[in-house]
Amino acid sequence: MLRVRAVIQAADKVGISIGYCHQILTEKLHMHRVSAQFVPRLLTNDQKENRVEISQELLATANSNENLLKS
């Protein structure tokens, strides 16, 4: 109930619909609920490093195997 109230208050304050306010918070600002609040979805440094390592491994695999994506 608190999160709904927060979205309603934010929508009223800026003069937009509740649905559009929720869309902005979730899709544009990449915020999600934690408890009854919206918080930004941020990656830790470890998570960022892990994503880079995995991406590099996938790229190396794709470059070394020409038939990988041909199916």
PDB file of N, CA and C in Angstrom:
ATOM      1  N   MET A   1       0.821  -1.198   0.000  1.00  0.00           N
ATOM      2  CA  MET A   1       0.000   0.000   0.000  1.00  0.00           C
ATOM      3  C   MET A   1       0.867   1.266   0.000  1.00  0.00           C
ATOM      4  N   LEU A   2       2.001   1.209   0.714  1.00  0.00           N
ATOM      5  CA  LEU A   2       2.866   2.381   0.775  1.00  0.00           C
ATOM      6  C   LEU A   2       3.471   2.706  -0.585  1.00  0.00           C
ATOM      7  N   ARG A   3       3.860   1.656  -1.351  1.00  0.00           N
ATOM      8  CA  ARG A   3       4.468   1.929  -2.646  1.00  0.00           C
ATOM      9  C   ARG A   3       3.463   2.525  -3.604  1.00  0.00           C
ATOM     10  N   VAL A   4       2.211   2.089  -3.516  1.00  0.00           N
ATOM     11  CA  VAL A   4       1.173   2.664  -4.362  1.00  0.00           C
ATOM     12  C   VAL A   4       0.989   4.133  -4.008  1.00  0.00           C
ATOM     13  N   ARG A   5       0.979   4.422  -2.742  1.00  0.00           N
ATOM     14  CA  ARG A   5       0.834   5.803  -2.292  1.00  0.00           C
ATOM     15  C   ARG A   5       2.002   6.657  -2.777  1.00  0.00           C
ATOM     16  N   ALA A   6       3.210   6.094  -2.736  1.00  0.00           N
ATOM     17  CA  ALA A   6       4.383   6.831  -3.184  1.00  0.00           C
ATOM     18  C   ALA A   6       4.290   7.154  -4.675  1.00  0.00           C
ATOM     19  N   VAL A   7       3.837   6.201  -5.471  1.00  0.00           N
ATOM     20  CA  VAL A   7       3.690   6.434  -6.913  1.00  0.00           C
ATOM     21  C   VAL A   7       2.595   7.465  -7.163  1.00  0.00           C
ATOM     22  N   ILE A   8       1.485   7.366  -6.441  1.00  0.00           N
ATOM     23  CA  ILE A   8       0.387   8.331  -6.591  1.00  0.00           C
ATOM     24  C   ILE A   8       0.867   9.731  -6.234  1.00  0.00           C
ATOM     25  N   GLN A   9       1.595   9.857  -5.136  1.00  0.00           N
ATOM     26  CA  GLN A   9       2.092  11.164  -4.721  1.00  0.00           C
ATOM     27  C   GLN A   9       3.068  11.737  -5.743  1.00  0.00           C
ATOM     28  N   ALA A  10       3.953  10.895  -6.261  1.00  0.00           N
ATOM     29  CA  ALA A  10       4.912  11.362  -7.267  1.00  0.00           C
ATOM     30  C   ALA A  10       4.178  11.794  -8.531  1.00  0.00           C
ATOM     31  N   ALA A  11       3.199  11.022  -8.960  1.00  0.00           N
ATOM     32  CA  ALA A  11       2.432  11.349 -10.164  1.00  0.00           C
ATOM     33  C   ALA A  11       1.683  12.665  -9.979  1.00  0.00           C
ATOM     34  N   ASP A  12       1.063  12.834  -8.817  1.00  0.00           N
ATOM     35  CA  ASP A  12       0.337  14.075  -8.540  1.00  0.00           C
ATOM     36  C   ASP A  12       1.285  15.279  -8.515  1.00  0.00           C
ATOM     37  N   LYS A  13       2.446  15.080  -7.941  1.00  0.00           N
ATOM     38  CA  LYS A  13       3.392  16.189  -7.799  1.00  0.00           C
ATOM     39  C   LYS A  13       3.876  16.713  -9.152  1.00  0.00           C
ATOM     40  N   VAL A  14       4.103  15.798 -10.105  1.00  0.00           N
ATOM     41  CA  VAL A  14       4.597  16.231 -11.412  1.00  0.00           C
ATOM     42  C   VAL A  14       3.496  16.334 -12.461  1.00  0.00           C
ATOM     43  N   GLY A  15       2.278  15.966 -12.094  1.00  0.00           N
ATOM     44  CA  GLY A  15       1.138  16.145 -12.980  1.00  0.00           C
ATOM     45  C   GLY A  15       1.042  15.147 -14.122  1.00  0.00           C
ATOM     46  N   ILE A  16       1.395  13.873 -13.857  1.00  0.00           N
ATOM     47  CA  ILE A  16       1.265  12.832 -14.875  1.00  0.00           C
ATOM     48  C   ILE A  16       0.415  11.696 -14.319  1.00  0.00           C
ATOM     49  N   SER A  17       0.019  10.770 -15.186  1.00  0.00           N
ATOM     50  CA  SER A  17      -0.801   9.652 -14.732  1.00  0.00           C
ATOM     51  C   SER A  17       0.017   8.701 -13.862  1.00  0.00           C
ATOM     52  N   ILE A  18      -0.682   7.939 -13.049  1.00  0.00           N
ATOM     53  CA  ILE A  18      -0.029   6.982 -12.157  1.00  0.00           C
ATOM     54  C   ILE A  18       0.698   5.920 -12.975  1.00  0.00           C
ATOM     55  N   GLY A  19       0.058   5.433 -14.038  1.00  0.00           N
ATOM     56  CA  GLY A  19       0.670   4.413 -14.882  1.00  0.00           C
ATOM     57  C   GLY A  19       1.945   4.900 -15.535  1.00  0.00           C
ATOM     58  N   TYR A  20       1.912   6.134 -16.048  1.00  0.00           N
ATOM     59  CA  TYR A  20       3.101   6.687 -16.691  1.00  0.00           C
ATOM     60  C   TYR A  20       4.207   6.915 -15.660  1.00  0.00           C
ATOM     61  N   CYS A  21       3.843   7.336 -14.467  1.00  0.00           N
ATOM     62  CA  CYS A  21       4.824   7.530 -13.391  1.00  0.00           C
ATOM     63  C   CYS A  21       5.499   6.197 -13.060  1.00  0.00           C
ATOM     64  N   HIS A  22       4.706   5.140 -12.937  1.00  0.00           N
ATOM     65  CA  HIS A  22       5.255   3.822 -12.640  1.00  0.00           C
ATOM     66  C   HIS A  22       6.159   3.356 -13.777  1.00  0.00           C
ATOM     67  N   GLN A  23       5.754   3.603 -15.015  1.00  0.00           N
ATOM     68  CA  GLN A  23       6.552   3.222 -16.174  1.00  0.00           C
ATOM     69  C   GLN A  23       7.911   3.939 -16.168  1.00  0.00           C
ATOM     70  N   ILE A  24       7.903   5.214 -15.872  1.00  0.00           N
ATOM     71  CA  ILE A  24       9.147   5.983 -15.808  1.00  0.00           C
ATOM     72  C   ILE A  24      10.065   5.411 -14.735  1.00  0.00           C
ATOM     73  N   LEU A  25       9.508   5.146 -13.558  1.00  0.00           N
ATOM     74  CA  LEU A  25      10.319   4.628 -12.457  1.00  0.00           C
ATOM     75  C   LEU A  25      10.933   3.273 -12.798  1.00  0.00           C
ATOM     76  N   THR A  26      10.147   2.381 -13.403  1.00  0.00           N
ATOM     77  CA  THR A  26      10.637   1.025 -13.629  1.00  0.00           C
ATOM     78  C   THR A  26      11.409   0.866 -14.932  1.00  0.00           C
ATOM     79  N   GLU A  27      10.919   1.432 -16.028  1.00  0.00           N
ATOM     80  CA  GLU A  27      11.533   1.196 -17.335  1.00  0.00           C
ATOM     81  C   GLU A  27      12.615   2.215 -17.682  1.00  0.00           C
ATOM     82  N   LYS A  28      12.385   3.463 -17.379  1.00  0.00           N
ATOM     83  CA  LYS A  28      13.345   4.506 -17.752  1.00  0.00           C
ATOM     84  C   LYS A  28      14.448   4.677 -16.717  1.00  0.00           C
ATOM     85  N   LEU A  29      14.073   4.666 -15.445  1.00  0.00           N
ATOM     86  CA  LEU A  29      15.052   4.877 -14.378  1.00  0.00           C
ATOM     87  C   LEU A  29      15.581   3.564 -13.799  1.00  0.00           C
ATOM     88  N   HIS A  30      15.058   2.426 -14.289  1.00  0.00           N
ATOM     89  CA  HIS A  30      15.490   1.091 -13.855  1.00  0.00           C
ATOM     90  C   HIS A  30      15.443   0.945 -12.336  1.00  0.00           C
ATOM     91  N   MET A  31      14.357   1.385 -11.764  1.00  0.00           N
ATOM     92  CA  MET A  31      14.184   1.257 -10.321  1.00  0.00           C
ATOM     93  C   MET A  31      13.254   0.090 -10.049  1.00  0.00           C
ATOM     94  N   HIS A  32      13.431  -0.549  -8.919  1.00  0.00           N
ATOM     95  CA  HIS A  32      12.562  -1.634  -8.525  1.00  0.00           C
ATOM     96  C   HIS A  32      12.254  -1.520  -7.034  1.00  0.00           C
ATOM     97  N   ARG A  33      11.256  -2.301  -6.621  1.00  0.00           N
ATOM     98  CA  ARG A  33      10.830  -2.219  -5.229  1.00  0.00           C
ATOM     99  C   ARG A  33      11.745  -3.019  -4.321  1.00  0.00           C
ATOM    100  N   VAL A  34      12.068  -2.437  -3.198  1.00  0.00           N
ATOM    101  CA  VAL A  34      12.699  -3.135  -2.097  1.00  0.00           C
ATOM    102  C   VAL A  34      11.905  -2.692  -0.885  1.00  0.00           C
ATOM    103  N   SER A  35      11.287  -3.633  -0.229  1.00  0.00           N
ATOM    104  CA  SER A  35      10.310  -3.315   0.815  1.00  0.00           C
ATOM    105  C   SER A  35       9.207  -2.494   0.168  1.00  0.00           C
ATOM    106  N   ALA A  36       8.994  -1.295   0.627  1.00  0.00           N
ATOM    107  CA  ALA A  36       7.925  -0.475   0.065  1.00  0.00           C
ATOM    108  C   ALA A  36       8.480   0.748  -0.633  1.00  0.00           C
ATOM    109  N   GLN A  37       9.724   0.692  -1.064  1.00  0.00           N
ATOM    110  CA  GLN A  37      10.347   1.850  -1.685  1.00  0.00           C
ATOM    111  C   GLN A  37      10.927   1.473  -3.038  1.00  0.00           C
ATOM    112  N   PHE A  38      11.052   2.455  -3.905  1.00  0.00           N
ATOM    113  CA  PHE A  38      11.748   2.249  -5.163  1.00  0.00           C
ATOM    114  C   PHE A  38      13.207   2.619  -4.954  1.00  0.00           C
ATOM    115  N   VAL A  39      14.098   1.760  -5.405  1.00  0.00           N
ATOM    116  CA  VAL A  39      15.521   2.031  -5.314  1.00  0.00           C
ATOM    117  C   VAL A  39      16.168   1.739  -6.660  1.00  0.00           C
ATOM    118  N   PRO A  40      17.241   2.433  -7.011  1.00  0.00           N
ATOM    119  CA  PRO A  40      17.900   2.162  -8.285  1.00  0.00           C
ATOM    120  C   PRO A  40      18.552   0.786  -8.288  1.00  0.00           C
ATOM    121  N   ARG A  41      18.520   0.170  -9.441  1.00  0.00           N
ATOM    122  CA  ARG A  41      19.153  -1.139  -9.594  1.00  0.00           C
ATOM    123  C   ARG A  41      20.591  -0.912 -10.042  1.00  0.00           C
ATOM    124  N   LEU A  42      21.525  -1.027  -9.117  1.00  0.00           N
ATOM    125  CA  LEU A  42      22.928  -0.791  -9.409  1.00  0.00           C
ATOM    126  C   LEU A  42      23.726  -2.062  -9.205  1.00  0.00           C
ATOM    127  N   LEU A  43      24.757  -2.233  -9.999  1.00  0.00           N
ATOM    128  CA  LEU A  43      25.628  -3.390  -9.850  1.00  0.00           C
ATOM    129  C   LEU A  43      26.819  -3.024  -8.972  1.00  0.00           C
ATOM    130  N   THR A  44      27.237  -4.002  -8.176  1.00  0.00           N
ATOM    131  CA  THR A  44      28.454  -3.804  -7.393  1.00  0.00           C
ATOM    132  C   THR A  44      29.657  -3.938  -8.327  1.00  0.00           C
ATOM    133  N   ASN A  45      30.821  -3.538  -7.869  1.00  0.00           N
ATOM    134  CA  ASN A  45      32.029  -3.678  -8.678  1.00  0.00           C
ATOM    135  C   ASN A  45      32.303  -5.140  -9.024  1.00  0.00           C
ATOM    136  N   ASP A  46      32.063  -6.048  -8.065  1.00  0.00           N
ATOM    137  CA  ASP A  46      32.252  -7.479  -8.332  1.00  0.00           C
ATOM    138  C   ASP A  46      31.309  -7.963  -9.425  1.00  0.00           C
ATOM    139  N   GLN A  47      30.061  -7.521  -9.382  1.00  0.00           N
ATOM    140  CA  GLN A  47      29.101  -7.917 -10.401  1.00  0.00           C
ATOM    141  C   GLN A  47      29.502  -7.382 -11.774  1.00  0.00           C
ATOM    142  N   LYS A  48      29.984  -6.149 -11.818  1.00  0.00           N
ATOM    143  CA  LYS A  48      30.438  -5.568 -13.083  1.00  0.00           C
ATOM    144  C   LYS A  48      31.622  -6.349 -13.645  1.00  0.00           C
ATOM    145  N   GLU A  49      32.590  -6.663 -12.787  1.00  0.00           N
ATOM    146  CA  GLU A  49      33.756  -7.424 -13.223  1.00  0.00           C
ATOM    147  C   GLU A  49      33.356  -8.806 -13.721  1.00  0.00           C
ATOM    148  N   ASN A  50      32.423  -9.430 -13.033  1.00  0.00           N
ATOM    149  CA  ASN A  50      31.938 -10.752 -13.436  1.00  0.00           C
ATOM    150  C   ASN A  50      31.273 -10.685 -14.806  1.00  0.00           C
ATOM    151  N   ARG A  51      30.477  -9.670 -15.050  1.00  0.00           N
ATOM    152  CA  ARG A  51      29.834  -9.508 -16.355  1.00  0.00           C
ATOM    153  C   ARG A  51      30.860  -9.323 -17.461  1.00  0.00           C
ATOM    154  N   VAL A  52      31.919  -8.549 -17.200  1.00  0.00           N
ATOM    155  CA  VAL A  52      32.970  -8.337 -18.200  1.00  0.00           C
ATOM    156  C   VAL A  52      33.683  -9.655 -18.502  1.00  0.00           C
ATOM    157  N   GLU A  53      34.034 -10.411 -17.460  1.00  0.00           N
ATOM    158  CA  GLU A  53      34.728 -11.684 -17.650  1.00  0.00           C
ATOM    159  C   GLU A  53      33.883 -12.663 -18.456  1.00  0.00           C
ATOM    160  N   ILE A  54      32.614 -12.782 -18.117  1.00  0.00           N
ATOM    161  CA  ILE A  54      31.727 -13.699 -18.827  1.00  0.00           C
ATOM    162  C   ILE A  54      31.561 -13.265 -20.278  1.00  0.00           C
ATOM    163  N   SER A  55      31.409 -11.977 -20.508  1.00  0.00           N
ATOM    164  CA  SER A  55      31.263 -11.466 -21.872  1.00  0.00           C
ATOM    165  C   SER A  55      32.511 -11.744 -22.698  1.00  0.00           C
ATOM    166  N   GLN A  56      33.674 -11.567 -22.100  1.00  0.00           N
ATOM    167  CA  GLN A  56      34.923 -11.837 -22.812  1.00  0.00           C
ATOM    168  C   GLN A  56      35.064 -13.319 -23.136  1.00  0.00           C
ATOM    169  N   GLU A  57      34.670 -14.187 -22.207  1.00  0.00           N
ATOM    170  CA  GLU A  57      34.712 -15.627 -22.457  1.00  0.00           C
ATOM    171  C   GLU A  57      33.763 -16.007 -23.591  1.00  0.00           C
ATOM    172  N   LEU A  58      32.558 -15.449 -23.587  1.00  0.00           N
ATOM    173  CA  LEU A  58      31.595 -15.739 -24.648  1.00  0.00           C
ATOM    174  C   LEU A  58      32.097 -15.249 -25.999  1.00  0.00           C
ATOM    175  N   LEU A  59      32.693 -14.073 -26.021  1.00  0.00           N
ATOM    176  CA  LEU A  59      33.235 -13.528 -27.256  1.00  0.00           C
ATOM    177  C   LEU A  59      34.372 -14.399 -27.781  1.00  0.00           C
ATOM    178  N   ALA A  60      35.250 -14.841 -26.901  1.00  0.00           N
ATOM    179  CA  ALA A  60      36.353 -15.706 -27.306  1.00  0.00           C
ATOM    180  C   ALA A  60      35.829 -17.030 -27.852  1.00  0.00           C
ATOM    181  N   THR A  61      34.801 -17.587 -27.208  1.00  0.00           N
ATOM    182  CA  THR A  61      34.195 -18.829 -27.680  1.00  0.00           C
ATOM    183  C   THR A  61      33.565 -18.633 -29.047  1.00  0.00           C
ATOM    184  N   ALA A  62      32.850 -17.538 -29.223  1.00  0.00           N
ATOM    185  CA  ALA A  62      32.207 -17.256 -30.507  1.00  0.00           C
ATOM    186  C   ALA A  62      33.235 -17.044 -31.608  1.00  0.00           C
ATOM    187  N   ASN A  63      34.330 -16.377 -31.300  1.00  0.00           N
ATOM    188  CA  ASN A  63      35.372 -16.125 -32.302  1.00  0.00           C
ATOM    189  C   ASN A  63      36.127 -17.393 -32.678  1.00  0.00           C
ATOM    190  N   SER A  64      36.259 -18.325 -31.760  1.00  0.00           N
ATOM    191  CA  SER A  64      37.021 -19.543 -32.033  1.00  0.00           C
ATOM    192  C   SER A  64      36.172 -20.644 -32.649  1.00  0.00           C
ATOM    193  N   ASN A  65      34.860 -20.517 -32.615  1.00  0.00           N
ATOM    194  CA  ASN A  65      33.982 -21.548 -33.153  1.00  0.00           C
ATOM    195  C   ASN A  65      33.047 -20.918 -34.174  1.00  0.00           C
ATOM    196  N   GLU A  66      33.385 -21.073 -35.446  1.00  0.00           N
ATOM    197  CA  GLU A  66      32.605 -20.441 -36.519  1.00  0.00           C
ATOM    198  C   GLU A  66      31.182 -20.965 -36.609  1.00  0.00           C
ATOM    199  N   ASN A  67      30.960 -22.205 -36.194  1.00  0.00           N
ATOM    200  CA  ASN A  67      29.644 -22.831 -36.304  1.00  0.00           C
ATOM    201  C   ASN A  67      28.784 -22.624 -35.068  1.00  0.00           C
ATOM    202  N   LEU A  68      29.280 -21.901 -34.100  1.00  0.00           N
ATOM    203  CA  LEU A  68      28.558 -21.725 -32.833  1.00  0.00           C
ATOM    204  C   LEU A  68      27.174 -21.117 -33.045  1.00  0.00           C
ATOM    205  N   LEU A  69      27.079 -20.087 -33.835  1.00  0.00           N
ATOM    206  CA  LEU A  69      25.811 -19.378 -34.018  1.00  0.00           C
ATOM    207  C   LEU A  69      25.053 -19.830 -35.268  1.00  0.00           C
ATOM    208  N   LYS A  70      25.576 -20.801 -36.004  1.00  0.00           N
ATOM    209  CA  LYS A  70      24.920 -21.297 -37.214  1.00  0.00           C
ATOM    210  C   LYS A  70      24.145 -22.560 -36.895  1.00  0.00           C
ATOM    211  N   SER A  71      22.897 -22.378 -36.527  1.00  0.00           N
ATOM    212  CA  SER A  71      22.075 -23.553 -36.263  1.00  0.00           C
ATOM    213  C   SER A  71      20.631 -23.281 -36.535  1.00  0.00           C
TER     214      SER A  71
END
